[in-house]
Amino acid sequence: MAGAAGQLLMHSWEVLGKGAEVTHVLTVDGERVAAVWPIRGHVERPDGWHVTFRPSRDRVSLGGGFASLDDAKREAEEEYGIVHEKGGEVVMYIVARKDLKMSAGKLAAQVGHGVQDALEICQGSPVDNLVDLHWFMSWVTGSRTKIVLAAGSLAEIETLHSTIGEDYCRLVEDEGRTEIAPTKTVLALVPMPKSRARPFVGHLPLYR
């Protein structure tokens, strides 16, 4: 989700012109990559929208035949891997070990480490990972919801970690300087739609 210089990739639409001359331009990481415009200005036609890609990205025109502006925009976005999830709110899940009986302060510190580690995944992902970028940007520009769930053991969070994969979650390992001996305390997932996370963490209760 970040380039070599650490700059966050973003995608957006801008509207140029108006009326029959209007053009909707897709920008990805600061580069205008696609344009959506009405065919001959007859926007009332059912096939009235056309998509063209920049030759510099080896993209070809998709032609007309798009029944609506939204359909044409969706086609352009999908060509660049920008997928809009229909799985509900994008949230960050943090799974904390209940068996450690950490104090409220200790738990807060470990969750904080987990959030930081998960965001570092987002900032270090490949530049073409626009699907994850969409999740991340939805989370950042939304309510930034975080949900803390409870796990019963070290084995449980280690199994989740290996199942979900290092590209989408991080384990926090406490150094053992206070309260508990050195051990893994928290598993933090990158922001993702609830529908994507549910198969992995849907069985876990809220941490109370």
N, C-alpha and C. Protein backbone atom coordinates (compact mmCIF):
# COMPACT_ATOMS: atom_id res chain seq x y z
N MET A 1 0.80 -1.19 0.00
CA MET A 1 0.00 0.00 0.00
C MET A 1 0.85 1.26 0.00
N ALA A 2 2.14 1.07 -0.03
CA ALA A 2 3.01 2.23 -0.12
C ALA A 2 4.11 1.95 -1.10
N GLY A 3 4.56 2.97 -1.80
CA GLY A 3 5.65 2.83 -2.72
C GLY A 3 6.98 2.83 -2.00
N ALA A 4 8.07 2.82 -2.78
CA ALA A 4 9.39 2.75 -2.20
C ALA A 4 9.68 3.96 -1.32
N ALA A 5 9.09 5.09 -1.64
CA ALA A 5 9.31 6.30 -0.86
C ALA A 5 8.38 6.40 0.33
N GLY A 6 7.54 5.38 0.52
CA GLY A 6 6.65 5.37 1.67
C GLY A 6 5.39 6.18 1.49
N GLN A 7 5.06 6.56 0.27
CA GLN A 7 3.87 7.36 0.01
C GLN A 7 2.68 6.44 -0.20
N LEU A 8 1.59 6.74 0.46
CA LEU A 8 0.38 5.92 0.37
C LEU A 8 -0.26 6.05 -1.00
N LEU A 9 -0.52 4.92 -1.64
CA LEU A 9 -1.25 4.92 -2.90
C LEU A 9 -2.70 5.32 -2.64
N MET A 10 -3.28 6.05 -3.59
CA MET A 10 -4.68 6.42 -3.47
C MET A 10 -5.33 6.38 -4.85
N HIS A 11 -6.63 6.19 -4.87
CA HIS A 11 -7.35 6.30 -6.13
C HIS A 11 -8.55 7.22 -5.93
N SER A 12 -8.87 7.95 -6.97
CA SER A 12 -9.97 8.90 -6.87
C SER A 12 -10.51 9.20 -8.26
N TRP A 13 -11.73 9.77 -8.29
CA TRP A 13 -12.36 10.21 -9.52
C TRP A 13 -12.48 11.73 -9.50
N GLU A 14 -12.24 12.35 -10.65
CA GLU A 14 -12.50 13.78 -10.78
C GLU A 14 -13.35 14.01 -12.03
N VAL A 15 -14.13 15.06 -11.99
CA VAL A 15 -15.03 15.37 -13.09
C VAL A 15 -14.49 16.58 -13.83
N LEU A 16 -14.26 16.42 -15.14
CA LEU A 16 -13.78 17.50 -15.99
C LEU A 16 -14.87 17.88 -16.97
N GLY A 17 -15.07 19.17 -17.16
CA GLY A 17 -16.10 19.62 -18.08
C GLY A 17 -17.49 19.45 -17.49
N LYS A 18 -18.50 19.63 -18.35
CA LYS A 18 -19.87 19.49 -17.90
C LYS A 18 -20.78 19.24 -19.10
N GLY A 19 -21.99 18.85 -18.81
CA GLY A 19 -22.96 18.59 -19.86
C GLY A 19 -22.50 17.47 -20.79
N ALA A 20 -22.65 17.69 -22.09
CA ALA A 20 -22.28 16.67 -23.08
C ALA A 20 -20.78 16.47 -23.15
N GLU A 21 -20.00 17.41 -22.61
CA GLU A 21 -18.54 17.32 -22.67
C GLU A 21 -17.93 16.77 -21.39
N VAL A 22 -18.73 16.29 -20.48
CA VAL A 22 -18.21 15.84 -19.20
C VAL A 22 -17.33 14.59 -19.38
N THR A 23 -16.26 14.51 -18.59
CA THR A 23 -15.39 13.34 -18.56
C THR A 23 -15.05 13.03 -17.11
N HIS A 24 -15.19 11.77 -16.73
CA HIS A 24 -14.83 11.33 -15.38
C HIS A 24 -13.48 10.63 -15.47
N VAL A 25 -12.50 11.12 -14.71
CA VAL A 25 -11.12 10.65 -14.84
C VAL A 25 -10.72 9.91 -13.57
N LEU A 26 -10.18 8.69 -13.75
CA LEU A 26 -9.69 7.89 -12.64
C LEU A 26 -8.20 8.15 -12.46
N THR A 27 -7.83 8.51 -11.22
CA THR A 27 -6.43 8.75 -10.88
C THR A 27 -5.98 7.70 -9.87
N VAL A 28 -4.87 7.02 -10.16
CA VAL A 28 -4.30 6.04 -9.25
C VAL A 28 -2.87 6.44 -8.95
N ASP A 29 -2.56 6.65 -7.68
CA ASP A 29 -1.22 7.04 -7.24
C ASP A 29 -0.72 8.26 -8.00
N GLY A 30 -1.58 9.23 -8.17
CA GLY A 30 -1.18 10.48 -8.79
C GLY A 30 -1.16 10.49 -10.30
N GLU A 31 -1.47 9.36 -10.93
CA GLU A 31 -1.45 9.28 -12.39
C GLU A 31 -2.87 9.08 -12.92
N ARG A 32 -3.25 9.87 -13.90
CA ARG A 32 -4.54 9.68 -14.54
C ARG A 32 -4.46 8.46 -15.46
N VAL A 33 -5.25 7.45 -15.16
CA VAL A 33 -5.10 6.18 -15.85
C VAL A 33 -6.29 5.81 -16.73
N ALA A 34 -7.46 6.40 -16.50
CA ALA A 34 -8.63 6.02 -17.29
C ALA A 34 -9.61 7.18 -17.35
N ALA A 35 -10.42 7.17 -18.41
CA ALA A 35 -11.45 8.20 -18.58
C ALA A 35 -12.77 7.55 -18.95
N VAL A 36 -13.84 8.04 -18.38
CA VAL A 36 -15.20 7.58 -18.68
C VAL A 36 -15.97 8.78 -19.20
N TRP A 37 -16.59 8.63 -20.37
CA TRP A 37 -17.28 9.78 -20.96
C TRP A 37 -18.49 9.32 -21.75
N PRO A 38 -19.48 10.21 -21.91
CA PRO A 38 -20.71 9.84 -22.63
C PRO A 38 -20.49 9.79 -24.13
N ILE A 39 -20.98 8.74 -24.78
CA ILE A 39 -20.84 8.58 -26.22
C ILE A 39 -21.67 9.64 -26.93
N ARG A 40 -20.98 10.50 -27.69
CA ARG A 40 -21.63 11.55 -28.49
C ARG A 40 -22.58 12.41 -27.66
N GLY A 41 -22.39 12.38 -26.33
CA GLY A 41 -23.21 13.22 -25.47
C GLY A 41 -24.61 12.71 -25.23
N HIS A 42 -24.96 11.55 -25.81
CA HIS A 42 -26.32 11.05 -25.66
C HIS A 42 -26.41 10.20 -24.39
N VAL A 43 -26.38 10.84 -23.26
CA VAL A 43 -26.34 10.10 -22.00
C VAL A 43 -27.65 9.39 -21.69
N GLU A 44 -28.70 9.72 -22.44
CA GLU A 44 -29.96 9.04 -22.19
C GLU A 44 -30.00 7.65 -22.82
N ARG A 45 -29.03 7.36 -23.71
CA ARG A 45 -28.98 6.03 -24.33
C ARG A 45 -28.59 4.97 -23.31
N PRO A 46 -29.12 3.74 -23.41
CA PRO A 46 -28.76 2.69 -22.45
C PRO A 46 -27.32 2.24 -22.59
N ASP A 47 -26.68 2.53 -23.75
CA ASP A 47 -25.28 2.14 -23.94
C ASP A 47 -24.43 3.40 -24.07
N GLY A 48 -24.72 4.38 -23.26
CA GLY A 48 -24.17 5.71 -23.48
C GLY A 48 -22.86 6.03 -22.82
N TRP A 49 -22.09 5.05 -22.29
CA TRP A 49 -20.84 5.38 -21.61
C TRP A 49 -19.67 4.58 -22.17
N HIS A 50 -18.54 5.23 -22.28
CA HIS A 50 -17.35 4.70 -22.93
C HIS A 50 -16.19 4.80 -21.95
N VAL A 51 -15.27 3.81 -21.98
CA VAL A 51 -14.09 3.82 -21.11
C VAL A 51 -12.84 3.75 -21.98
N THR A 52 -11.87 4.62 -21.70
CA THR A 52 -10.59 4.61 -22.40
C THR A 52 -9.46 4.61 -21.38
N PHE A 53 -8.42 3.81 -21.64
CA PHE A 53 -7.26 3.75 -20.76
C PHE A 53 -6.06 4.43 -21.40
N ARG A 54 -5.15 4.88 -20.57
CA ARG A 54 -3.95 5.53 -21.07
C ARG A 54 -3.07 4.53 -21.81
N PRO A 55 -2.59 4.87 -23.00
CA PRO A 55 -1.69 3.96 -23.73
C PRO A 55 -0.42 3.64 -22.95
N SER A 56 0.01 4.57 -22.08
CA SER A 56 1.25 4.35 -21.34
C SER A 56 1.16 3.16 -20.40
N ARG A 57 -0.05 2.75 -20.07
CA ARG A 57 -0.22 1.58 -19.21
C ARG A 57 -0.64 0.36 -20.01
N ASP A 58 -0.45 0.43 -21.33
CA ASP A 58 -0.80 -0.69 -22.22
C ASP A 58 -2.25 -1.12 -22.07
N ARG A 59 -3.11 -0.16 -21.88
CA ARG A 59 -4.53 -0.45 -21.79
C ARG A 59 -5.19 -0.06 -23.11
N VAL A 60 -6.22 -0.77 -23.45
CA VAL A 60 -6.93 -0.46 -24.69
C VAL A 60 -8.33 0.04 -24.35
N SER A 61 -8.93 0.70 -25.30
CA SER A 61 -10.28 1.19 -25.09
C SER A 61 -11.24 0.02 -24.91
N LEU A 62 -12.15 0.16 -23.96
CA LEU A 62 -13.17 -0.86 -23.75
C LEU A 62 -14.41 -0.61 -24.59
N GLY A 63 -14.42 0.52 -25.27
CA GLY A 63 -15.57 0.83 -26.11
C GLY A 63 -16.78 1.23 -25.31
N GLY A 64 -17.93 1.25 -25.97
CA GLY A 64 -19.17 1.66 -25.33
C GLY A 64 -19.92 0.46 -24.79
N GLY A 65 -21.21 0.64 -24.63
CA GLY A 65 -22.05 -0.46 -24.19
C GLY A 65 -22.30 -0.52 -22.71
N PHE A 66 -21.82 0.49 -21.96
CA PHE A 66 -22.08 0.49 -20.53
C PHE A 66 -23.38 1.24 -20.26
N ALA A 67 -24.27 0.59 -19.55
CA ALA A 67 -25.62 1.11 -19.39
C ALA A 67 -25.69 2.30 -18.46
N SER A 68 -24.68 2.46 -17.60
CA SER A 68 -24.72 3.58 -16.66
C SER A 68 -23.30 4.05 -16.39
N LEU A 69 -23.22 5.24 -15.83
CA LEU A 69 -21.92 5.77 -15.43
C LEU A 69 -21.28 4.88 -14.38
N ASP A 70 -22.06 4.40 -13.43
CA ASP A 70 -21.52 3.53 -12.38
C ASP A 70 -20.93 2.26 -12.95
N ASP A 71 -21.60 1.66 -13.95
CA ASP A 71 -21.09 0.44 -14.58
C ASP A 71 -19.74 0.70 -15.25
N ALA A 72 -19.64 1.82 -15.95
CA ALA A 72 -18.40 2.15 -16.64
C ALA A 72 -17.28 2.40 -15.64
N LYS A 73 -17.56 3.12 -14.57
CA LYS A 73 -16.55 3.39 -13.55
C LYS A 73 -16.09 2.09 -12.89
N ARG A 74 -17.04 1.21 -12.62
CA ARG A 74 -16.70 -0.06 -11.98
C ARG A 74 -15.78 -0.88 -12.88
N GLU A 75 -16.04 -0.87 -14.18
CA GLU A 75 -15.19 -1.60 -15.12
C GLU A 75 -13.77 -1.04 -15.11
N ALA A 76 -13.66 0.28 -15.12
CA ALA A 76 -12.35 0.92 -15.10
C ALA A 76 -11.60 0.57 -13.81
N GLU A 77 -12.28 0.61 -12.68
CA GLU A 77 -11.63 0.32 -11.41
C GLU A 77 -11.17 -1.13 -11.34
N GLU A 78 -12.00 -2.05 -11.84
CA GLU A 78 -11.63 -3.46 -11.78
C GLU A 78 -10.41 -3.76 -12.64
N GLU A 79 -10.22 -3.00 -13.73
CA GLU A 79 -9.02 -3.18 -14.56
C GLU A 79 -7.75 -2.90 -13.77
N TYR A 80 -7.86 -2.06 -12.75
CA TYR A 80 -6.71 -1.71 -11.92
C TYR A 80 -6.74 -2.39 -10.56
N GLY A 81 -7.58 -3.39 -10.42
CA GLY A 81 -7.60 -4.18 -9.19
C GLY A 81 -8.30 -3.52 -8.03
N ILE A 82 -9.05 -2.45 -8.29
CA ILE A 82 -9.77 -1.78 -7.21
C ILE A 82 -11.13 -2.46 -7.08
N VAL A 83 -11.29 -3.22 -6.01
CA VAL A 83 -12.50 -4.01 -5.81
C VAL A 83 -13.26 -3.44 -4.63
N HIS A 84 -14.54 -3.18 -4.83
CA HIS A 84 -15.37 -2.65 -3.77
C HIS A 84 -16.10 -3.79 -3.08
N GLU A 85 -15.75 -4.01 -1.83
CA GLU A 85 -16.34 -5.09 -1.07
C GLU A 85 -17.81 -4.81 -0.75
N LYS A 86 -18.60 -5.86 -0.76
CA LYS A 86 -20.00 -5.75 -0.35
C LYS A 86 -20.23 -6.47 0.98
N GLY A 87 -19.11 -6.70 1.68
CA GLY A 87 -19.19 -7.49 2.90
C GLY A 87 -19.37 -6.69 4.16
N GLY A 88 -19.80 -5.47 4.05
CA GLY A 88 -20.06 -4.68 5.23
C GLY A 88 -18.91 -3.79 5.62
N GLU A 89 -18.99 -3.27 6.83
CA GLU A 89 -18.02 -2.31 7.35
C GLU A 89 -16.61 -2.89 7.38
N VAL A 90 -15.63 -2.04 7.09
CA VAL A 90 -14.23 -2.43 7.21
C VAL A 90 -13.77 -2.13 8.62
N VAL A 91 -13.25 -3.15 9.31
CA VAL A 91 -12.84 -2.99 10.70
C VAL A 91 -11.46 -3.62 10.90
N MET A 92 -10.83 -3.28 12.02
CA MET A 92 -9.60 -3.95 12.44
C MET A 92 -9.93 -4.83 13.64
N TYR A 93 -9.64 -6.13 13.52
CA TYR A 93 -9.82 -7.05 14.62
C TYR A 93 -8.50 -7.27 15.34
N ILE A 94 -8.55 -7.24 16.67
CA ILE A 94 -7.40 -7.56 17.51
C ILE A 94 -7.83 -8.68 18.44
N VAL A 95 -7.08 -9.78 18.43
CA VAL A 95 -7.40 -10.95 19.25
C VAL A 95 -6.40 -11.01 20.40
N ALA A 96 -6.90 -10.88 21.63
CA ALA A 96 -6.04 -10.86 22.81
C ALA A 96 -6.26 -12.11 23.65
N ARG A 97 -5.19 -12.59 24.28
CA ARG A 97 -5.28 -13.80 25.10
C ARG A 97 -5.93 -13.52 26.44
N LYS A 98 -7.02 -14.19 26.68
CA LYS A 98 -7.75 -14.04 27.94
C LYS A 98 -7.05 -14.80 29.08
N ASP A 99 -6.34 -15.87 28.74
CA ASP A 99 -5.72 -16.71 29.77
C ASP A 99 -4.58 -16.03 30.51
N LEU A 100 -4.04 -14.93 29.95
CA LEU A 100 -2.93 -14.24 30.60
C LEU A 100 -3.39 -13.35 31.75
N LYS A 101 -4.68 -13.05 31.79
CA LYS A 101 -5.25 -12.22 32.86
C LYS A 101 -4.47 -10.91 33.02
N MET A 102 -4.23 -10.25 31.89
CA MET A 102 -3.52 -8.97 31.91
C MET A 102 -4.38 -7.89 32.55
N SER A 103 -3.73 -6.95 33.21
CA SER A 103 -4.45 -5.80 33.75
C SER A 103 -4.97 -4.96 32.59
N ALA A 104 -5.89 -4.04 32.91
CA ALA A 104 -6.45 -3.18 31.87
C ALA A 104 -5.35 -2.38 31.16
N GLY A 105 -4.41 -1.87 31.93
CA GLY A 105 -3.32 -1.10 31.33
C GLY A 105 -2.44 -1.95 30.44
N LYS A 106 -2.12 -3.15 30.91
CA LYS A 106 -1.27 -4.06 30.13
C LYS A 106 -1.97 -4.46 28.84
N LEU A 107 -3.26 -4.77 28.93
CA LEU A 107 -4.03 -5.13 27.75
C LEU A 107 -4.04 -3.97 26.75
N ALA A 108 -4.27 -2.76 27.25
CA ALA A 108 -4.31 -1.59 26.36
C ALA A 108 -2.99 -1.42 25.64
N ALA A 109 -1.88 -1.61 26.35
CA ALA A 109 -0.56 -1.47 25.73
C ALA A 109 -0.35 -2.52 24.64
N GLN A 110 -0.74 -3.76 24.92
CA GLN A 110 -0.55 -4.83 23.94
C GLN A 110 -1.42 -4.62 22.71
N VAL A 111 -2.66 -4.19 22.92
CA VAL A 111 -3.54 -3.88 21.78
C VAL A 111 -2.95 -2.74 20.96
N GLY A 112 -2.40 -1.74 21.64
CA GLY A 112 -1.76 -0.64 20.93
C GLY A 112 -0.62 -1.11 20.06
N HIS A 113 0.21 -2.01 20.58
CA HIS A 113 1.29 -2.58 19.78
C HIS A 113 0.73 -3.30 18.55
N GLY A 114 -0.36 -4.04 18.76
CA GLY A 114 -0.96 -4.78 17.66
C GLY A 114 -1.48 -3.87 16.56
N VAL A 115 -2.17 -2.80 16.94
CA VAL A 115 -2.68 -1.84 15.95
C VAL A 115 -1.52 -1.26 15.15
N GLN A 116 -0.46 -0.86 15.84
CA GLN A 116 0.70 -0.29 15.15
C GLN A 116 1.31 -1.29 14.17
N ASP A 117 1.45 -2.54 14.59
CA ASP A 117 2.04 -3.56 13.72
C ASP A 117 1.16 -3.82 12.50
N ALA A 118 -0.16 -3.86 12.70
CA ALA A 118 -1.06 -4.10 11.57
C ALA A 118 -0.99 -2.97 10.56
N LEU A 119 -0.91 -1.73 11.04
CA LEU A 119 -0.82 -0.60 10.13
C LEU A 119 0.51 -0.60 9.38
N GLU A 120 1.56 -1.12 9.99
CA GLU A 120 2.84 -1.23 9.29
C GLU A 120 2.74 -2.20 8.12
N ILE A 121 1.91 -3.23 8.26
CA ILE A 121 1.67 -4.12 7.11
C ILE A 121 1.08 -3.32 5.97
N CYS A 122 0.07 -2.50 6.26
CA CYS A 122 -0.60 -1.72 5.23
C CYS A 122 0.37 -0.78 4.53
N GLN A 123 1.26 -0.18 5.27
CA GLN A 123 2.19 0.79 4.71
C GLN A 123 3.34 0.14 3.96
N GLY A 124 3.49 -1.18 4.11
CA GLY A 124 4.60 -1.84 3.45
C GLY A 124 4.19 -2.83 2.38
N SER A 125 2.90 -2.88 2.03
CA SER A 125 2.42 -3.84 1.05
C SER A 125 2.85 -3.45 -0.35
N PRO A 126 2.85 -4.42 -1.30
CA PRO A 126 3.23 -4.11 -2.68
C PRO A 126 2.38 -3.00 -3.27
N VAL A 127 2.98 -2.22 -4.15
CA VAL A 127 2.30 -1.05 -4.70
C VAL A 127 1.09 -1.41 -5.55
N ASP A 128 1.04 -2.65 -6.03
CA ASP A 128 -0.10 -3.02 -6.88
C ASP A 128 -1.22 -3.69 -6.08
N ASN A 129 -1.12 -3.67 -4.77
CA ASN A 129 -2.13 -4.35 -3.95
C ASN A 129 -3.30 -3.41 -3.69
N LEU A 130 -4.02 -3.07 -4.76
CA LEU A 130 -5.06 -2.06 -4.65
C LEU A 130 -6.33 -2.57 -3.96
N VAL A 131 -6.49 -3.89 -3.89
CA VAL A 131 -7.64 -4.43 -3.16
C VAL A 131 -7.49 -4.12 -1.68
N ASP A 132 -6.32 -4.42 -1.12
CA ASP A 132 -6.07 -4.11 0.28
C ASP A 132 -6.08 -2.61 0.50
N LEU A 133 -5.60 -1.85 -0.48
CA LEU A 133 -5.61 -0.39 -0.37
C LEU A 133 -7.03 0.12 -0.19
N HIS A 134 -7.97 -0.44 -0.94
CA HIS A 134 -9.36 0.01 -0.81
C HIS A 134 -9.88 -0.24 0.59
N TRP A 135 -9.57 -1.42 1.16
CA TRP A 135 -9.97 -1.70 2.54
C TRP A 135 -9.38 -0.65 3.47
N PHE A 136 -8.08 -0.43 3.32
CA PHE A 136 -7.36 0.47 4.22
C PHE A 136 -7.91 1.89 4.14
N MET A 137 -8.13 2.38 2.91
CA MET A 137 -8.62 3.74 2.75
C MET A 137 -10.05 3.87 3.27
N SER A 138 -10.87 2.82 3.10
CA SER A 138 -12.22 2.85 3.65
C SER A 138 -12.17 2.96 5.17
N TRP A 139 -11.22 2.26 5.78
CA TRP A 139 -11.08 2.27 7.24
C TRP A 139 -10.56 3.63 7.72
N VAL A 140 -9.52 4.14 7.05
CA VAL A 140 -8.89 5.40 7.47
C VAL A 140 -9.86 6.56 7.33
N THR A 141 -10.63 6.57 6.25
CA THR A 141 -11.54 7.69 6.02
C THR A 141 -12.89 7.49 6.69
N GLY A 142 -13.09 6.33 7.30
CA GLY A 142 -14.33 6.04 8.01
C GLY A 142 -14.17 6.22 9.51
N SER A 143 -14.76 5.32 10.27
CA SER A 143 -14.75 5.45 11.73
C SER A 143 -13.54 4.79 12.38
N ARG A 144 -12.71 4.10 11.61
CA ARG A 144 -11.51 3.41 12.12
C ARG A 144 -11.87 2.45 13.25
N THR A 145 -12.92 1.68 13.03
CA THR A 145 -13.43 0.77 14.05
C THR A 145 -12.41 -0.31 14.39
N LYS A 146 -12.23 -0.54 15.68
CA LYS A 146 -11.38 -1.62 16.18
C LYS A 146 -12.22 -2.49 17.10
N ILE A 147 -12.11 -3.80 16.93
CA ILE A 147 -12.87 -4.74 17.75
C ILE A 147 -11.89 -5.71 18.39
N VAL A 148 -11.91 -5.77 19.73
CA VAL A 148 -11.01 -6.66 20.47
C VAL A 148 -11.76 -7.93 20.83
N LEU A 149 -11.23 -9.06 20.39
CA LEU A 149 -11.80 -10.37 20.64
C LEU A 149 -10.93 -11.14 21.61
N ALA A 150 -11.49 -12.19 22.21
CA ALA A 150 -10.78 -12.97 23.21
C ALA A 150 -10.39 -14.35 22.68
N ALA A 151 -9.14 -14.72 22.93
CA ALA A 151 -8.67 -16.07 22.65
C ALA A 151 -8.29 -16.72 23.97
N GLY A 152 -8.36 -18.05 24.01
CA GLY A 152 -8.15 -18.74 25.28
C GLY A 152 -6.75 -19.23 25.53
N SER A 153 -5.87 -19.15 24.52
CA SER A 153 -4.54 -19.72 24.71
C SER A 153 -3.56 -19.21 23.66
N LEU A 154 -2.28 -19.47 23.93
CA LEU A 154 -1.23 -19.16 22.96
C LEU A 154 -1.43 -19.95 21.68
N ALA A 155 -1.78 -21.22 21.82
CA ALA A 155 -1.98 -22.06 20.64
C ALA A 155 -3.06 -21.50 19.74
N GLU A 156 -4.09 -20.92 20.32
CA GLU A 156 -5.20 -20.41 19.53
C GLU A 156 -4.77 -19.24 18.65
N ILE A 157 -4.01 -18.28 19.20
CA ILE A 157 -3.60 -17.14 18.37
C ILE A 157 -2.51 -17.54 17.38
N GLU A 158 -1.69 -18.52 17.74
CA GLU A 158 -0.67 -19.00 16.79
C GLU A 158 -1.31 -19.71 15.61
N THR A 159 -2.36 -20.47 15.88
CA THR A 159 -3.08 -21.15 14.79
C THR A 159 -3.75 -20.14 13.88
N LEU A 160 -4.38 -19.13 14.47
CA LEU A 160 -4.99 -18.08 13.66
C LEU A 160 -3.95 -17.37 12.80
N HIS A 161 -2.81 -17.09 13.38
CA HIS A 161 -1.75 -16.41 12.65
C HIS A 161 -1.30 -17.21 11.43
N SER A 162 -1.09 -18.49 11.60
CA SER A 162 -0.64 -19.32 10.49
C SER A 162 -1.74 -19.51 9.45
N THR A 163 -3.00 -19.51 9.89
CA THR A 163 -4.12 -19.69 8.96
C THR A 163 -4.36 -18.44 8.13
N ILE A 164 -4.36 -17.29 8.78
CA ILE A 164 -4.62 -16.03 8.07
C ILE A 164 -3.43 -15.62 7.22
N GLY A 165 -2.24 -15.79 7.73
CA GLY A 165 -1.04 -15.48 6.96
C GLY A 165 -0.39 -14.17 7.36
N GLU A 166 0.93 -14.12 7.24
CA GLU A 166 1.72 -12.97 7.68
C GLU A 166 1.39 -11.70 6.93
N ASP A 167 0.86 -11.81 5.71
CA ASP A 167 0.52 -10.61 4.94
C ASP A 167 -0.71 -9.88 5.48
N TYR A 168 -1.47 -10.54 6.36
CA TYR A 168 -2.72 -9.94 6.83
C TYR A 168 -2.84 -9.85 8.34
N CYS A 169 -1.83 -10.27 9.08
CA CYS A 169 -1.90 -10.17 10.54
C CYS A 169 -0.51 -10.23 11.14
N ARG A 170 -0.42 -9.78 12.39
CA ARG A 170 0.85 -9.79 13.12
C ARG A 170 0.62 -10.23 14.56
N LEU A 171 1.58 -11.01 15.06
CA LEU A 171 1.59 -11.40 16.46
C LEU A 171 2.44 -10.42 17.26
N VAL A 172 1.97 -10.03 18.44
CA VAL A 172 2.73 -9.18 19.34
C VAL A 172 3.38 -10.07 20.40
N GLU A 173 4.68 -9.91 20.59
CA GLU A 173 5.39 -10.71 21.59
C GLU A 173 5.88 -9.77 22.69
N ASP A 174 5.40 -9.99 23.90
CA ASP A 174 5.78 -9.16 25.04
C ASP A 174 7.16 -9.58 25.55
N GLU A 175 7.96 -8.60 25.98
CA GLU A 175 9.32 -8.87 26.43
C GLU A 175 9.38 -9.40 27.85
N GLY A 176 8.27 -9.35 28.56
CA GLY A 176 8.24 -9.92 29.90
C GLY A 176 8.82 -9.02 30.98
N ARG A 177 8.83 -7.72 30.76
CA ARG A 177 9.41 -6.80 31.74
C ARG A 177 8.43 -6.46 32.87
N THR A 178 7.15 -6.68 32.65
CA THR A 178 6.15 -6.43 33.70
C THR A 178 5.09 -7.53 33.65
N GLU A 179 4.47 -7.78 34.72
CA GLU A 179 3.28 -8.64 34.86
C GLU A 179 3.43 -10.08 34.42
N ILE A 180 3.89 -10.32 33.19
CA ILE A 180 3.89 -11.67 32.63
C ILE A 180 5.27 -12.04 32.11
N ALA A 181 5.52 -13.34 31.96
CA ALA A 181 6.76 -13.81 31.35
C ALA A 181 6.72 -13.55 29.84
N PRO A 182 7.88 -13.54 29.18
CA PRO A 182 7.89 -13.31 27.72
C PRO A 182 6.96 -14.30 27.00
N THR A 183 6.05 -13.77 26.21
CA THR A 183 5.12 -14.61 25.47
C THR A 183 4.40 -13.78 24.41
N LYS A 184 3.70 -14.44 23.52
CA LYS A 184 2.87 -13.76 22.52
C LYS A 184 1.52 -13.44 23.14
N THR A 185 1.11 -12.22 22.99
CA THR A 185 -0.07 -11.74 23.71
C THR A 185 -1.28 -11.43 22.83
N VAL A 186 -1.03 -10.90 21.64
CA VAL A 186 -2.10 -10.33 20.80
C VAL A 186 -1.84 -10.67 19.34
N LEU A 187 -2.91 -10.91 18.61
CA LEU A 187 -2.85 -11.04 17.16
C LEU A 187 -3.70 -9.92 16.56
N ALA A 188 -3.10 -9.10 15.70
CA ALA A 188 -3.82 -7.98 15.08
C ALA A 188 -3.94 -8.21 13.59
N LEU A 189 -5.17 -8.06 13.07
CA LEU A 189 -5.43 -8.20 11.64
C LEU A 189 -5.45 -6.83 10.98
N VAL A 190 -5.06 -6.76 9.72
CA VAL A 190 -5.18 -5.51 8.97
C VAL A 190 -6.66 -5.17 8.81
N PRO A 191 -6.99 -3.90 8.60
CA PRO A 191 -8.39 -3.56 8.34
C PRO A 191 -8.93 -4.33 7.14
N MET A 192 -10.10 -4.93 7.31
CA MET A 192 -10.72 -5.69 6.22
C MET A 192 -12.22 -5.75 6.45
N PRO A 193 -13.00 -6.04 5.39
CA PRO A 193 -14.45 -6.18 5.57
C PRO A 193 -14.77 -7.30 6.56
N LYS A 194 -15.83 -7.11 7.32
CA LYS A 194 -16.23 -8.13 8.28
C LYS A 194 -16.44 -9.48 7.61
N SER A 195 -16.94 -9.47 6.37
CA SER A 195 -17.20 -10.73 5.67
C SER A 195 -15.92 -11.51 5.40
N ARG A 196 -14.79 -10.80 5.20
CA ARG A 196 -13.51 -11.47 4.96
C ARG A 196 -12.93 -12.04 6.25
N ALA A 197 -13.14 -11.33 7.35
CA ALA A 197 -12.56 -11.77 8.63
C ALA A 197 -13.40 -12.83 9.31
N ARG A 198 -14.70 -12.85 9.03
CA ARG A 198 -15.62 -13.72 9.77
C ARG A 198 -15.22 -15.20 9.74
N PRO A 199 -14.77 -15.77 8.60
CA PRO A 199 -14.40 -17.19 8.62
C PRO A 199 -13.27 -17.51 9.59
N PHE A 200 -12.44 -16.52 9.92
CA PHE A 200 -11.30 -16.75 10.80
C PHE A 200 -11.60 -16.42 12.26
N VAL A 201 -12.33 -15.33 12.50
CA VAL A 201 -12.52 -14.87 13.89
C VAL A 201 -13.97 -14.81 14.32
N GLY A 202 -14.88 -15.23 13.45
CA GLY A 202 -16.31 -15.14 13.76
C GLY A 202 -16.75 -15.94 14.96
N HIS A 203 -15.95 -16.95 15.33
CA HIS A 203 -16.31 -17.79 16.48
C HIS A 203 -15.84 -17.24 17.81
N LEU A 204 -15.03 -16.17 17.77
CA LEU A 204 -14.43 -15.66 19.01
C LEU A 204 -15.36 -14.64 19.68
N PRO A 205 -15.41 -14.68 21.02
CA PRO A 205 -16.24 -13.70 21.74
C PRO A 205 -15.52 -12.37 21.88
N LEU A 206 -16.27 -11.31 22.18
CA LEU A 206 -15.67 -10.04 22.52
C LEU A 206 -14.85 -10.18 23.79
N TYR A 207 -13.75 -9.42 23.88
CA TYR A 207 -12.94 -9.43 25.09
C TYR A 207 -13.66 -8.57 26.15
N ARG A 208 -14.01 -9.18 27.24
CA ARG A 208 -14.73 -8.46 28.31
C ARG A 208 -14.01 -8.66 29.64
